[in-house]
Amino acid sequence: MGHTVKLLGISSFHLFYIFALFSVFIKNNSLFKAFGFEVERPILIGFLLFNEVLSPTDSLVKFGMNALTRKFEFEAGMFHLSFPPHHCALSS
């Protein structure tokens, strides 16, 4: 499997994980009650709270994705160097 397909799969799983976690998070009644929303549960408030909770863990995931991308770039550079050099003159 190629690097692009691997990164696409990981990104898709990450997005699915965020949406699944958000759906569980937004249905948590005790969270809204802790912030003073006894009767109603505004979706915007839920989203803001979810963003605050997700930020530290998402930073770790972004760091891992960045490290994996750099690893793939290094592997691609090494693959390029495994071929013999082509000496071709550029025509002007």
C-alpha atoms as a PDB file:
ATOM      1  CA  MET A   1       0.000   0.000   0.000  1.00  0.00           C
ATOM      2  CA  GLY A   2       1.310   3.438  -0.891  1.00  0.00           C
ATOM      3  CA  HIS A   3       2.016   6.307   1.422  1.00  0.00           C
ATOM      4  CA  THR A   4      -0.897   8.364   0.153  1.00  0.00           C
ATOM      5  CA  VAL A   5      -3.378   5.558   0.749  1.00  0.00           C
ATOM      6  CA  LYS A   6      -2.029   4.981   4.262  1.00  0.00           C
ATOM      7  CA  LEU A   7      -2.292   8.671   5.174  1.00  0.00           C
ATOM      8  CA  LEU A   8      -5.791   8.870   3.678  1.00  0.00           C
ATOM      9  CA  GLY A   9      -6.886   5.847   5.701  1.00  0.00           C
ATOM     10  CA  ILE A  10      -5.437   7.229   8.934  1.00  0.00           C
ATOM     11  CA  SER A  11      -7.010  10.647   8.336  1.00  0.00           C
ATOM     12  CA  SER A  12     -10.384   9.070   7.554  1.00  0.00           C
ATOM     13  CA  PHE A  13     -10.248   6.971  10.723  1.00  0.00           C
ATOM     14  CA  HIS A  14      -9.281  10.051  12.751  1.00  0.00           C
ATOM     15  CA  LEU A  15     -12.217  12.013  11.346  1.00  0.00           C
ATOM     16  CA  PHE A  16     -14.610   9.121  12.047  1.00  0.00           C
ATOM     17  CA  TYR A  17     -13.235   8.861  15.588  1.00  0.00           C
ATOM     18  CA  ILE A  18     -13.793  12.584  16.209  1.00  0.00           C
ATOM     19  CA  PHE A  19     -17.401  12.445  14.966  1.00  0.00           C
ATOM     20  CA  ALA A  20     -18.137   9.307  16.998  1.00  0.00           C
ATOM     21  CA  LEU A  21     -16.620  10.856  20.110  1.00  0.00           C
ATOM     22  CA  PHE A  22     -18.564  14.078  19.536  1.00  0.00           C
ATOM     23  CA  SER A  23     -21.856  12.197  19.292  1.00  0.00           C
ATOM     24  CA  VAL A  24     -21.164  10.527  22.649  1.00  0.00           C
ATOM     25  CA  PHE A  25     -19.949  13.789  24.175  1.00  0.00           C
ATOM     26  CA  ILE A  26     -22.948  15.840  23.092  1.00  0.00           C
ATOM     27  CA  LYS A  27     -25.408  13.351  24.667  1.00  0.00           C
ATOM     28  CA  ASN A  28     -23.742  13.614  28.093  1.00  0.00           C
ATOM     29  CA  ASN A  29     -26.319  15.302  30.354  1.00  0.00           C
ATOM     30  CA  SER A  30     -24.003  15.627  33.344  1.00  0.00           C
ATOM     31  CA  LEU A  31     -21.581  17.736  31.326  1.00  0.00           C
ATOM     32  CA  PHE A  32     -24.215  20.338  30.516  1.00  0.00           C
ATOM     33  CA  LYS A  33     -25.528  20.302  34.098  1.00  0.00           C
ATOM     34  CA  ALA A  34     -21.997  20.947  35.384  1.00  0.00           C
ATOM     35  CA  PHE A  35     -21.909  24.162  33.352  1.00  0.00           C
ATOM     36  CA  GLY A  36     -25.351  25.363  34.422  1.00  0.00           C
ATOM     37  CA  PHE A  37     -27.505  24.121  31.547  1.00  0.00           C
ATOM     38  CA  GLU A  38     -30.196  22.207  33.424  1.00  0.00           C
ATOM     39  CA  VAL A  39     -33.070  22.265  30.940  1.00  0.00           C
ATOM     40  CA  GLU A  40     -31.632  22.964  27.522  1.00  0.00           C
ATOM     41  CA  ARG A  41     -28.462  21.674  25.915  1.00  0.00           C
ATOM     42  CA  PRO A  42     -27.185  24.155  23.290  1.00  0.00           C
ATOM     43  CA  ILE A  43     -25.248  22.410  20.554  1.00  0.00           C
ATOM     44  CA  LEU A  44     -22.820  25.323  20.244  1.00  0.00           C
ATOM     45  CA  ILE A  45     -21.895  25.098  23.923  1.00  0.00           C
ATOM     46  CA  GLY A  46     -21.434  21.341  23.532  1.00  0.00           C
ATOM     47  CA  PHE A  47     -19.197  21.889  20.539  1.00  0.00           C
ATOM     48  CA  LEU A  48     -17.080  24.464  22.378  1.00  0.00           C
ATOM     49  CA  LEU A  49     -16.675  22.180  25.384  1.00  0.00           C
ATOM     50  CA  PHE A  50     -15.826  19.254  23.108  1.00  0.00           C
ATOM     51  CA  ASN A  51     -13.204  21.366  21.370  1.00  0.00           C
ATOM     52  CA  GLU A  52     -11.617  22.257  24.704  1.00  0.00           C
ATOM     53  CA  VAL A  53     -11.466  18.612  25.749  1.00  0.00           C
ATOM     54  CA  LEU A  54     -10.238  17.383  22.373  1.00  0.00           C
ATOM     55  CA  SER A  55      -7.471  19.969  21.867  1.00  0.00           C
ATOM     56  CA  PRO A  56      -4.706  18.318  23.960  1.00  0.00           C
ATOM     57  CA  THR A  57      -5.237  14.850  22.522  1.00  0.00           C
ATOM     58  CA  ASP A  58      -5.662  16.195  19.004  1.00  0.00           C
ATOM     59  CA  SER A  59      -2.286  17.926  19.317  1.00  0.00           C
ATOM     60  CA  LEU A  60      -0.687  14.542  19.985  1.00  0.00           C
ATOM     61  CA  VAL A  61      -2.435  13.019  16.979  1.00  0.00           C
ATOM     62  CA  LYS A  62      -1.321  15.906  14.748  1.00  0.00           C
ATOM     63  CA  PHE A  63       2.246  15.502  15.993  1.00  0.00           C
ATOM     64  CA  GLY A  64       2.135  11.776  15.169  1.00  0.00           C
ATOM     65  CA  MET A  65       0.686  12.440  11.713  1.00  0.00           C
ATOM     66  CA  ASN A  66       3.372  15.041  11.038  1.00  0.00           C
ATOM     67  CA  ALA A  67       6.107  12.590  12.123  1.00  0.00           C
ATOM     68  CA  LEU A  68       4.625   9.871   9.898  1.00  0.00           C
ATOM     69  CA  THR A  69       4.444  12.262   6.940  1.00  0.00           C
ATOM     70  CA  ARG A  70       8.117  13.218   7.404  1.00  0.00           C
ATOM     71  CA  LYS A  71       9.041   9.515   7.615  1.00  0.00           C
ATOM     72  CA  PHE A  72       7.219   8.853   4.338  1.00  0.00           C
ATOM     73  CA  GLU A  73       8.959  11.826   2.718  1.00  0.00           C
ATOM     74  CA  PHE A  74      12.346  10.499   3.842  1.00  0.00           C
ATOM     75  CA  GLU A  75      11.493   7.049   2.459  1.00  0.00           C
ATOM     76  CA  ALA A  76      10.450   8.603  -0.856  1.00  0.00           C
ATOM     77  CA  GLY A  77      13.724  10.526  -1.020  1.00  0.00           C
ATOM     78  CA  MET A  78      15.729   7.372  -0.333  1.00  0.00           C
ATOM     79  CA  PHE A  79      13.732   5.528  -3.009  1.00  0.00           C
ATOM     80  CA  HIS A  80      14.559   8.294  -5.467  1.00  0.00           C
ATOM     81  CA  LEU A  81      18.255   8.018  -4.652  1.00  0.00           C
ATOM     82  CA  SER A  82      18.208   4.274  -5.326  1.00  0.00           C
ATOM     83  CA  PHE A  83      17.890   4.936  -9.062  1.00  0.00           C
ATOM     84  CA  PRO A  84      20.934   5.746 -11.164  1.00  0.00           C
ATOM     85  CA  PRO A  85      21.259   9.416 -12.045  1.00  0.00           C
ATOM     86  CA  HIS A  86      20.086  10.473 -15.470  1.00  0.00           C
ATOM     87  CA  HIS A  87      22.285  13.040 -17.079  1.00  0.00           C
ATOM     88  CA  CYS A  88      20.050  14.903 -19.405  1.00  0.00           C
ATOM     89  CA  ALA A  89      20.736  18.358 -20.681  1.00  0.00           C
ATOM     90  CA  LEU A  90      17.960  20.862 -20.517  1.00  0.00           C
ATOM     91  CA  SER A  91      17.182  22.322 -23.890  1.00  0.00           C
ATOM     92  CA  SER A  92      16.872  26.063 -24.023  1.00  0.00           C
END
